[in-house]
Amino acid sequence: FEILETYQDGQFLMVKLAYTGGCNEHFFEASWDERYMKSLPPQVNVTLTHVNNDDACRARVEKELALDLKKLFLNTPNNVEVILNGNTEKKILVSPFE
């Protein structure tokens, strides 16, 4: 899958992505090892996993996911940089929400 765009909307990190398929339902799971890197602002590694249910179709599908950021701010009241799927070139700065 390809990540097209990311942005913060309140307590959610919105991830717009594209993948090939169209015949079976696809699922995405986000995981975080609950560790903060020693940096300013702190950085976290978030991994998105794609489950395609053996979909062999070739249509281009675009989908938007909402990843809840609540857990990221339980131990820090400050901004956090999210490294999504190891892409250190496109870190995503997210802020605490009200």
PDB file of N, CA and C in Angstrom:
ATOM      1  N   PHE A   1       0.850  -1.182   0.000  1.00  0.00           N
ATOM      2  CA  PHE A   1       0.000   0.000   0.000  1.00  0.00           C
ATOM      3  C   PHE A   1       0.887   1.232   0.000  1.00  0.00           C
ATOM      4  N   GLU A   2       0.285   2.340  -0.376  1.00  0.00           N
ATOM      5  CA  GLU A   2       1.006   3.614  -0.482  1.00  0.00           C
ATOM      6  C   GLU A   2       0.307   4.656   0.391  1.00  0.00           C
ATOM      7  N   ILE A   3       1.072   5.348   1.211  1.00  0.00           N
ATOM      8  CA  ILE A   3       0.516   6.428   2.025  1.00  0.00           C
ATOM      9  C   ILE A   3       0.526   7.694   1.184  1.00  0.00           C
ATOM     10  N   LEU A   4      -0.653   8.264   0.970  1.00  0.00           N
ATOM     11  CA  LEU A   4      -0.787   9.440   0.114  1.00  0.00           C
ATOM     12  C   LEU A   4      -0.715  10.753   0.888  1.00  0.00           C
ATOM     13  N   GLU A   5      -1.313  10.759   2.088  1.00  0.00           N
ATOM     14  CA  GLU A   5      -1.404  12.006   2.851  1.00  0.00           C
ATOM     15  C   GLU A   5      -1.651  11.673   4.321  1.00  0.00           C
ATOM     16  N   THR A   6      -1.142  12.524   5.195  1.00  0.00           N
ATOM     17  CA  THR A   6      -1.417  12.396   6.627  1.00  0.00           C
ATOM     18  C   THR A   6      -1.688  13.787   7.191  1.00  0.00           C
ATOM     19  N   TYR A   7      -2.584  13.851   8.162  1.00  0.00           N
ATOM     20  CA  TYR A   7      -2.837  15.106   8.864  1.00  0.00           C
ATOM     21  C   TYR A   7      -3.535  14.786  10.177  1.00  0.00           C
ATOM     22  N   GLN A   8      -3.468  15.725  11.105  1.00  0.00           N
ATOM     23  CA  GLN A   8      -4.116  15.544  12.391  1.00  0.00           C
ATOM     24  C   GLN A   8      -5.489  16.207  12.367  1.00  0.00           C
ATOM     25  N   ASP A   9      -6.483  15.496  12.889  1.00  0.00           N
ATOM     26  CA  ASP A   9      -7.837  16.027  13.043  1.00  0.00           C
ATOM     27  C   ASP A   9      -8.267  15.731  14.475  1.00  0.00           C
ATOM     28  N   GLY A  10      -8.060  16.703  15.369  1.00  0.00           N
ATOM     29  CA  GLY A  10      -8.381  16.493  16.778  1.00  0.00           C
ATOM     30  C   GLY A  10      -7.518  15.403  17.378  1.00  0.00           C
ATOM     31  N   GLN A  11      -8.145  14.374  17.926  1.00  0.00           N
ATOM     32  CA  GLN A  11      -7.390  13.301  18.567  1.00  0.00           C
ATOM     33  C   GLN A  11      -7.002  12.189  17.596  1.00  0.00           C
ATOM     34  N   PHE A  12      -7.198  12.419  16.289  1.00  0.00           N
ATOM     35  CA  PHE A  12      -6.918  11.382  15.301  1.00  0.00           C
ATOM     36  C   PHE A  12      -5.822  11.799  14.322  1.00  0.00           C
ATOM     37  N   LEU A  13      -4.985  10.838  13.957  1.00  0.00           N
ATOM     38  CA  LEU A  13      -4.070  10.993  12.835  1.00  0.00           C
ATOM     39  C   LEU A  13      -4.782  10.374  11.642  1.00  0.00           C
ATOM     40  N   MET A  14      -5.101  11.198  10.675  1.00  0.00           N
ATOM     41  CA  MET A  14      -5.798  10.727   9.482  1.00  0.00           C
ATOM     42  C   MET A  14      -4.750  10.292   8.453  1.00  0.00           C
ATOM     43  N   VAL A  15      -4.929   9.108   7.910  1.00  0.00           N
ATOM     44  CA  VAL A  15      -3.989   8.550   6.941  1.00  0.00           C
ATOM     45  C   VAL A  15      -4.776   8.177   5.691  1.00  0.00           C
ATOM     46  N   LYS A  16      -4.503   8.890   4.613  1.00  0.00           N
ATOM     47  CA  LYS A  16      -5.107   8.571   3.323  1.00  0.00           C
ATOM     48  C   LYS A  16      -4.134   7.658   2.592  1.00  0.00           C
ATOM     49  N   LEU A  17      -4.629   6.500   2.145  1.00  0.00           N
ATOM     50  CA  LEU A  17      -3.737   5.546   1.489  1.00  0.00           C
ATOM     51  C   LEU A  17      -4.399   4.920   0.276  1.00  0.00           C
ATOM     52  N   ALA A  18      -3.586   4.254  -0.535  1.00  0.00           N
ATOM     53  CA  ALA A  18      -4.068   3.574  -1.732  1.00  0.00           C
ATOM     54  C   ALA A  18      -3.472   2.174  -1.777  1.00  0.00           C
ATOM     55  N   TYR A  19      -4.244   1.249  -2.332  1.00  0.00           N
ATOM     56  CA  TYR A  19      -3.784  -0.129  -2.492  1.00  0.00           C
ATOM     57  C   TYR A  19      -4.514  -0.745  -3.677  1.00  0.00           C
ATOM     58  N   THR A  20      -4.043  -1.872  -4.160  1.00  0.00           N
ATOM     59  CA  THR A  20      -4.745  -2.567  -5.229  1.00  0.00           C
ATOM     60  C   THR A  20      -5.609  -3.660  -4.635  1.00  0.00           C
ATOM     61  N   GLY A  21      -6.753  -3.882  -5.265  1.00  0.00           N
ATOM     62  CA  GLY A  21      -7.697  -4.886  -4.776  1.00  0.00           C
ATOM     63  C   GLY A  21      -9.059  -4.590  -5.345  1.00  0.00           C
ATOM     64  N   GLY A  22     -10.077  -4.657  -4.489  1.00  0.00           N
ATOM     65  CA  GLY A  22     -11.425  -4.330  -4.913  1.00  0.00           C
ATOM     66  C   GLY A  22     -12.396  -5.488  -4.868  1.00  0.00           C
ATOM     67  N   CYS A  23     -11.919  -6.708  -4.660  1.00  0.00           N
ATOM     68  CA  CYS A  23     -12.809  -7.869  -4.618  1.00  0.00           C
ATOM     69  C   CYS A  23     -13.098  -8.353  -3.201  1.00  0.00           C
ATOM     70  N   ASN A  24     -12.138  -8.227  -2.306  1.00  0.00           N
ATOM     71  CA  ASN A  24     -12.308  -8.646  -0.915  1.00  0.00           C
ATOM     72  C   ASN A  24     -12.086  -7.446  -0.006  1.00  0.00           C
ATOM     73  N   GLU A  25     -12.627  -7.550   1.208  1.00  0.00           N
ATOM     74  CA  GLU A  25     -12.445  -6.468   2.164  1.00  0.00           C
ATOM     75  C   GLU A  25     -11.011  -6.465   2.693  1.00  0.00           C
ATOM     76  N   HIS A  26     -10.426  -5.273   2.807  1.00  0.00           N
ATOM     77  CA  HIS A  26      -9.071  -5.103   3.322  1.00  0.00           C
ATOM     78  C   HIS A  26      -9.150  -4.489   4.712  1.00  0.00           C
ATOM     79  N   PHE A  27      -8.181  -4.843   5.561  1.00  0.00           N
ATOM     80  CA  PHE A  27      -8.107  -4.304   6.913  1.00  0.00           C
ATOM     81  C   PHE A  27      -6.726  -3.722   7.145  1.00  0.00           C
ATOM     82  N   PHE A  28      -6.658  -2.698   7.973  1.00  0.00           N
ATOM     83  CA  PHE A  28      -5.390  -2.095   8.363  1.00  0.00           C
ATOM     84  C   PHE A  28      -5.347  -2.052   9.883  1.00  0.00           C
ATOM     85  N   GLU A  29      -4.206  -2.407  10.432  1.00  0.00           N
ATOM     86  CA  GLU A  29      -4.017  -2.375  11.878  1.00  0.00           C
ATOM     87  C   GLU A  29      -2.826  -1.483  12.191  1.00  0.00           C
ATOM     88  N   ALA A  30      -2.973  -0.643  13.206  1.00  0.00           N
ATOM     89  CA  ALA A  30      -1.884   0.228  13.653  1.00  0.00           C
ATOM     90  C   ALA A  30      -1.356  -0.302  14.975  1.00  0.00           C
ATOM     91  N   SER A  31      -0.027  -0.326  15.104  1.00  0.00           N
ATOM     92  CA  SER A  31       0.569  -0.754  16.374  1.00  0.00           C
ATOM     93  C   SER A  31       1.704   0.185  16.733  1.00  0.00           C
ATOM     94  N   TRP A  32       1.905   0.314  18.039  1.00  0.00           N
ATOM     95  CA  TRP A  32       2.951   1.169  18.596  1.00  0.00           C
ATOM     96  C   TRP A  32       3.579   0.404  19.746  1.00  0.00           C
ATOM     97  N   ASP A  33       4.914   0.414  19.833  1.00  0.00           N
ATOM     98  CA  ASP A  33       5.619  -0.336  20.876  1.00  0.00           C
ATOM     99  C   ASP A  33       5.616   0.385  22.231  1.00  0.00           C
ATOM    100  N   GLU A  34       4.911   1.524  22.316  1.00  0.00           N
ATOM    101  CA  GLU A  34       4.766   2.324  23.530  1.00  0.00           C
ATOM    102  C   GLU A  34       6.090   2.882  24.063  1.00  0.00           C
ATOM    103  N   ARG A  35       7.041   3.086  23.157  1.00  0.00           N
ATOM    104  CA  ARG A  35       8.324   3.679  23.548  1.00  0.00           C
ATOM    105  C   ARG A  35       8.489   5.024  22.862  1.00  0.00           C
ATOM    106  N   TYR A  36       9.059   5.972  23.603  1.00  0.00           N
ATOM    107  CA  TYR A  36       9.389   7.294  23.078  1.00  0.00           C
ATOM    108  C   TYR A  36      10.900   7.352  22.883  1.00  0.00           C
ATOM    109  N   MET A  37      11.334   7.848  21.733  1.00  0.00           N
ATOM    110  CA  MET A  37      12.763   8.033  21.509  1.00  0.00           C
ATOM    111  C   MET A  37      13.216   9.293  22.229  1.00  0.00           C
ATOM    112  N   LYS A  38      14.459   9.291  22.667  1.00  0.00           N
ATOM    113  CA  LYS A  38      15.009  10.457  23.360  1.00  0.00           C
ATOM    114  C   LYS A  38      15.374  11.504  22.323  1.00  0.00           C
ATOM    115  N   SER A  39      14.435  12.379  22.053  1.00  0.00           N
ATOM    116  CA  SER A  39      14.625  13.458  21.095  1.00  0.00           C
ATOM    117  C   SER A  39      13.656  14.570  21.474  1.00  0.00           C
ATOM    118  N   LEU A  40      13.847  15.718  20.880  1.00  0.00           N
ATOM    119  CA  LEU A  40      12.933  16.835  21.086  1.00  0.00           C
ATOM    120  C   LEU A  40      12.360  17.255  19.745  1.00  0.00           C
ATOM    121  N   PRO A  41      11.076  17.162  19.527  1.00  0.00           N
ATOM    122  CA  PRO A  41      10.106  16.500  20.393  1.00  0.00           C
ATOM    123  C   PRO A  41      10.312  14.984  20.378  1.00  0.00           C
ATOM    124  N   PRO A  42       9.708  14.276  21.335  1.00  0.00           N
ATOM    125  CA  PRO A  42       9.850  12.823  21.346  1.00  0.00           C
ATOM    126  C   PRO A  42       9.300  12.227  20.047  1.00  0.00           C
ATOM    127  N   GLN A  43       9.905  11.148  19.607  1.00  0.00           N
ATOM    128  CA  GLN A  43       9.467  10.458  18.399  1.00  0.00           C
ATOM    129  C   GLN A  43       8.959   9.072  18.778  1.00  0.00           C
ATOM    130  N   VAL A  44       7.984   8.589  18.007  1.00  0.00           N
ATOM    131  CA  VAL A  44       7.437   7.249  18.217  1.00  0.00           C
ATOM    132  C   VAL A  44       7.350   6.538  16.877  1.00  0.00           C
ATOM    133  N   ASN A  45       7.534   5.234  16.912  1.00  0.00           N
ATOM    134  CA  ASN A  45       7.369   4.398  15.727  1.00  0.00           C
ATOM    135  C   ASN A  45       5.981   3.790  15.726  1.00  0.00           C
ATOM    136  N   VAL A  46       5.229   4.062  14.670  1.00  0.00           N
ATOM    137  CA  VAL A  46       3.903   3.473  14.493  1.00  0.00           C
ATOM    138  C   VAL A  46       3.954   2.644  13.210  1.00  0.00           C
ATOM    139  N   THR A  47       3.443   1.420  13.296  1.00  0.00           N
ATOM    140  CA  THR A  47       3.460   0.523  12.149  1.00  0.00           C
ATOM    141  C   THR A  47       2.034   0.237  11.697  1.00  0.00           C
ATOM    142  N   LEU A  48       1.785   0.444  10.406  1.00  0.00           N
ATOM    143  CA  LEU A  48       0.511   0.073   9.800  1.00  0.00           C
ATOM    144  C   LEU A  48       0.704  -1.258   9.086  1.00  0.00           C
ATOM    145  N   THR A  49      -0.161  -2.213   9.381  1.00  0.00           N
ATOM    146  CA  THR A  49      -0.118  -3.521   8.735  1.00  0.00           C
ATOM    147  C   THR A  49      -1.357  -3.670   7.865  1.00  0.00           C
ATOM    148  N   HIS A  50      -1.148  -4.188   6.657  1.00  0.00           N
ATOM    149  CA  HIS A  50      -2.226  -4.341   5.680  1.00  0.00           C
ATOM    150  C   HIS A  50      -2.590  -5.817   5.555  1.00  0.00           C
ATOM    151  N   VAL A  51      -3.856  -6.126   5.775  1.00  0.00           N
ATOM    152  CA  VAL A  51      -4.369  -7.492   5.588  1.00  0.00           C
ATOM    153  C   VAL A  51      -5.283  -7.448   4.361  1.00  0.00           C
ATOM    154  N   ASN A  52      -4.859  -8.101   3.278  1.00  0.00           N
ATOM    155  CA  ASN A  52      -5.609  -7.977   2.022  1.00  0.00           C
ATOM    156  C   ASN A  52      -6.579  -9.126   1.755  1.00  0.00           C
ATOM    157  N   ASN A  53      -6.656 -10.112   2.634  1.00  0.00           N
ATOM    158  CA  ASN A  53      -7.579 -11.244   2.472  1.00  0.00           C
ATOM    159  C   ASN A  53      -7.445 -11.924   1.109  1.00  0.00           C
ATOM    160  N   ASP A  54      -6.197 -12.077   0.657  1.00  0.00           N
ATOM    161  CA  ASP A  54      -5.900 -12.755  -0.619  1.00  0.00           C
ATOM    162  C   ASP A  54      -6.658 -12.156  -1.801  1.00  0.00           C
ATOM    163  N   ASP A  55      -6.801 -10.842  -1.806  1.00  0.00           N
ATOM    164  CA  ASP A  55      -7.493 -10.128  -2.880  1.00  0.00           C
ATOM    165  C   ASP A  55      -6.544  -9.981  -4.067  1.00  0.00           C
ATOM    166  N   ALA A  56      -6.843 -10.679  -5.158  1.00  0.00           N
ATOM    167  CA  ALA A  56      -5.987 -10.645  -6.346  1.00  0.00           C
ATOM    168  C   ALA A  56      -6.447  -9.614  -7.373  1.00  0.00           C
ATOM    169  N   CYS A  57      -7.512  -8.897  -7.094  1.00  0.00           N
ATOM    170  CA  CYS A  57      -8.014  -7.889  -8.036  1.00  0.00           C
ATOM    171  C   CYS A  57      -7.031  -6.723  -8.117  1.00  0.00           C
ATOM    172  N   ARG A  58      -7.134  -5.958  -9.221  1.00  0.00           N
ATOM    173  CA  ARG A  58      -6.132  -4.934  -9.485  1.00  0.00           C
ATOM    174  C   ARG A  58      -6.670  -3.506  -9.519  1.00  0.00           C
ATOM    175  N   ALA A  59      -7.860  -3.293  -9.035  1.00  0.00           N
ATOM    176  CA  ALA A  59      -8.404  -1.926  -9.001  1.00  0.00           C
ATOM    177  C   ALA A  59      -7.626  -1.104  -7.973  1.00  0.00           C
ATOM    178  N   ARG A  60      -7.468   0.170  -8.259  1.00  0.00           N
ATOM    179  CA  ARG A  60      -6.824   1.069  -7.285  1.00  0.00           C
ATOM    180  C   ARG A  60      -7.907   1.553  -6.325  1.00  0.00           C
ATOM    181  N   VAL A  61      -7.696   1.292  -5.048  1.00  0.00           N
ATOM    182  CA  VAL A  61      -8.652   1.663  -4.014  1.00  0.00           C
ATOM    183  C   VAL A  61      -7.986   2.692  -3.103  1.00  0.00           C
ATOM    184  N   GLU A  62      -8.693   3.773  -2.811  1.00  0.00           N
ATOM    185  CA  GLU A  62      -8.204   4.759  -1.853  1.00  0.00           C
ATOM    186  C   GLU A  62      -9.096   4.714  -0.619  1.00  0.00           C
ATOM    187  N   LYS A  63      -8.461   4.826   0.532  1.00  0.00           N
ATOM    188  CA  LYS A  63      -9.177   4.721   1.803  1.00  0.00           C
ATOM    189  C   LYS A  63      -8.546   5.698   2.779  1.00  0.00           C
ATOM    190  N   GLU A  64      -9.347   6.189   3.723  1.00  0.00           N
ATOM    191  CA  GLU A  64      -8.816   7.058   4.765  1.00  0.00           C
ATOM    192  C   GLU A  64      -9.033   6.387   6.116  1.00  0.00           C
ATOM    193  N   LEU A  65      -7.957   6.281   6.885  1.00  0.00           N
ATOM    194  CA  LEU A  65      -8.006   5.687   8.208  1.00  0.00           C
ATOM    195  C   LEU A  65      -7.902   6.780   9.259  1.00  0.00           C
ATOM    196  N   ALA A  66      -8.506   6.549  10.419  1.00  0.00           N
ATOM    197  CA  ALA A  66      -8.394   7.452  11.558  1.00  0.00           C
ATOM    198  C   ALA A  66      -7.706   6.693  12.686  1.00  0.00           C
ATOM    199  N   LEU A  67      -6.461   7.082  13.006  1.00  0.00           N
ATOM    200  CA  LEU A  67      -5.709   6.443  14.082  1.00  0.00           C
ATOM    201  C   LEU A  67      -5.836   7.293  15.335  1.00  0.00           C
ATOM    202  N   ASP A  68      -6.337   6.711  16.405  1.00  0.00           N
ATOM    203  CA  ASP A  68      -6.540   7.430  17.657  1.00  0.00           C
ATOM    204  C   ASP A  68      -5.190   7.731  18.303  1.00  0.00           C
ATOM    205  N   LEU A  69      -4.951   8.990  18.628  1.00  0.00           N
ATOM    206  CA  LEU A  69      -3.674   9.436  19.196  1.00  0.00           C
ATOM    207  C   LEU A  69      -3.666   9.465  20.721  1.00  0.00           C
ATOM    208  N   LYS A  70      -4.782   9.138  21.358  1.00  0.00           N
ATOM    209  CA  LYS A  70      -4.900   9.271  22.818  1.00  0.00           C
ATOM    210  C   LYS A  70      -3.736   8.655  23.578  1.00  0.00           C
ATOM    211  N   LYS A  71      -3.355   7.430  23.230  1.00  0.00           N
ATOM    212  CA  LYS A  71      -2.295   6.738  23.964  1.00  0.00           C
ATOM    213  C   LYS A  71      -0.950   7.448  23.887  1.00  0.00           C
ATOM    214  N   LEU A  72      -0.705   8.160  22.775  1.00  0.00           N
ATOM    215  CA  LEU A  72       0.582   8.840  22.615  1.00  0.00           C
ATOM    216  C   LEU A  72       0.787   9.925  23.659  1.00  0.00           C
ATOM    217  N   PHE A  73      -0.300  10.516  24.140  1.00  0.00           N
ATOM    218  CA  PHE A  73      -0.195  11.658  25.045  1.00  0.00           C
ATOM    219  C   PHE A  73      -0.474  11.304  26.506  1.00  0.00           C
ATOM    220  N   LEU A  74      -0.536  10.038  26.835  1.00  0.00           N
ATOM    221  CA  LEU A  74      -0.742   9.639  28.230  1.00  0.00           C
ATOM    222  C   LEU A  74       0.463   9.966  29.097  1.00  0.00           C
ATOM    223  N   ASN A  75       1.671   9.883  28.522  1.00  0.00           N
ATOM    224  CA  ASN A  75       2.901  10.098  29.297  1.00  0.00           C
ATOM    225  C   ASN A  75       3.663  11.351  28.907  1.00  0.00           C
ATOM    226  N   THR A  76       3.129  12.138  28.007  1.00  0.00           N
ATOM    227  CA  THR A  76       3.782  13.390  27.634  1.00  0.00           C
ATOM    228  C   THR A  76       2.719  14.407  27.238  1.00  0.00           C
ATOM    229  N   PRO A  77       2.828  15.641  27.747  1.00  0.00           N
ATOM    230  CA  PRO A  77       1.847  16.676  27.395  1.00  0.00           C
ATOM    231  C   PRO A  77       2.276  17.486  26.168  1.00  0.00           C
ATOM    232  N   ASN A  78       3.390  17.113  25.548  1.00  0.00           N
ATOM    233  CA  ASN A  78       3.976  17.909  24.470  1.00  0.00           C
ATOM    234  C   ASN A  78       3.732  17.278  23.103  1.00  0.00           C
ATOM    235  N   ASN A  79       4.153  18.009  22.066  1.00  0.00           N
ATOM    236  CA  ASN A  79       4.081  17.491  20.708  1.00  0.00           C
ATOM    237  C   ASN A  79       4.887  16.203  20.589  1.00  0.00           C
ATOM    238  N   VAL A  80       4.487  15.355  19.652  1.00  0.00           N
ATOM    239  CA  VAL A  80       5.168  14.091  19.374  1.00  0.00           C
ATOM    240  C   VAL A  80       5.318  13.977  17.864  1.00  0.00           C
ATOM    241  N   GLU A  81       6.464  13.451  17.424  1.00  0.00           N
ATOM    242  CA  GLU A  81       6.654  13.164  16.005  1.00  0.00           C
ATOM    243  C   GLU A  81       6.401  11.681  15.772  1.00  0.00           C
ATOM    244  N   VAL A  82       5.513  11.386  14.847  1.00  0.00           N
ATOM    245  CA  VAL A  82       5.175  10.007  14.503  1.00  0.00           C
ATOM    246  C   VAL A  82       5.994   9.599  13.280  1.00  0.00           C
ATOM    247  N   ILE A  83       6.692   8.476  13.411  1.00  0.00           N
ATOM    248  CA  ILE A  83       7.394   7.874  12.272  1.00  0.00           C
ATOM    249  C   ILE A  83       6.523   6.703  11.834  1.00  0.00           C
ATOM    250  N   LEU A  84       5.877   6.865  10.697  1.00  0.00           N
ATOM    251  CA  LEU A  84       4.918   5.872  10.213  1.00  0.00           C
ATOM    252  C   LEU A  84       5.606   4.880   9.281  1.00  0.00           C
ATOM    253  N   ASN A  85       5.573   3.624   9.655  1.00  0.00           N
ATOM    254  CA  ASN A  85       6.179   2.531   8.878  1.00  0.00           C
ATOM    255  C   ASN A  85       7.653   2.779   8.561  1.00  0.00           C
ATOM    256  N   GLY A  86       8.362   3.366   9.518  1.00  0.00           N
ATOM    257  CA  GLY A  86       9.800   3.545   9.384  1.00  0.00           C
ATOM    258  C   GLY A  86      10.237   4.674   8.476  1.00  0.00           C
ATOM    259  N   ASN A  87       9.309   5.478   7.967  1.00  0.00           N
ATOM    260  CA  ASN A  87       9.659   6.558   7.048  1.00  0.00           C
ATOM    261  C   ASN A  87      10.131   7.794   7.820  1.00  0.00           C
ATOM    262  N   THR A  88      11.437   7.851   8.064  1.00  0.00           N
ATOM    263  CA  THR A  88      12.007   8.971   8.822  1.00  0.00           C
ATOM    264  C   THR A  88      12.088  10.257   7.989  1.00  0.00           C
ATOM    265  N   GLU A  89      11.886  10.162   6.688  1.00  0.00           N
ATOM    266  CA  GLU A  89      11.911  11.345   5.820  1.00  0.00           C
ATOM    267  C   GLU A  89      10.628  12.166   5.963  1.00  0.00           C
ATOM    268  N   LYS A  90       9.540  11.518   6.371  1.00  0.00           N
ATOM    269  CA  LYS A  90       8.242  12.199   6.460  1.00  0.00           C
ATOM    270  C   LYS A  90       7.645  12.019   7.846  1.00  0.00           C
ATOM    271  N   LYS A  91       8.351  12.529   8.859  1.00  0.00           N
ATOM    272  CA  LYS A  91       7.831  12.469  10.224  1.00  0.00           C
ATOM    273  C   LYS A  91       6.600  13.365  10.324  1.00  0.00           C
ATOM    274  N   ILE A  92       5.637  12.948  11.141  1.00  0.00           N
ATOM    275  CA  ILE A  92       4.376  13.654  11.268  1.00  0.00           C
ATOM    276  C   ILE A  92       4.284  14.253  12.672  1.00  0.00           C
ATOM    277  N   LEU A  93       4.298  15.570  12.759  1.00  0.00           N
ATOM    278  CA  LEU A  93       4.213  16.248  14.045  1.00  0.00           C
ATOM    279  C   LEU A  93       2.746  16.313  14.467  1.00  0.00           C
ATOM    280  N   VAL A  94       2.444  15.736  15.646  1.00  0.00           N
ATOM    281  CA  VAL A  94       1.089  15.785  16.169  1.00  0.00           C
ATOM    282  C   VAL A  94       1.112  16.497  17.518  1.00  0.00           C
ATOM    283  N   SER A  95       0.010  17.164  17.826  1.00  0.00           N
ATOM    284  CA  SER A  95      -0.085  17.981  19.038  1.00  0.00           C
ATOM    285  C   SER A  95      -1.136  17.411  19.968  1.00  0.00           C
ATOM    286  N   PRO A  96      -0.979  17.680  21.279  1.00  0.00           N
ATOM    287  CA  PRO A  96      -2.037  17.284  22.223  1.00  0.00           C
ATOM    288  C   PRO A  96      -3.347  17.960  21.811  1.00  0.00           C
ATOM    289  N   PHE A  97      -4.442  17.347  22.116  1.00  0.00           N
ATOM    290  CA  PHE A  97      -5.751  17.864  21.732  1.00  0.00           C
ATOM    291  C   PHE A  97      -6.556  18.162  22.994  1.00  0.00           C
ATOM    292  N   GLU A  98      -7.549  18.981  22.841  1.00  0.00           N
ATOM    293  CA  GLU A  98      -8.412  19.340  23.979  1.00  0.00           C
ATOM    294  C   GLU A  98      -9.505  18.334  24.145  1.00  0.00           C
TER     295      GLU A  98
END
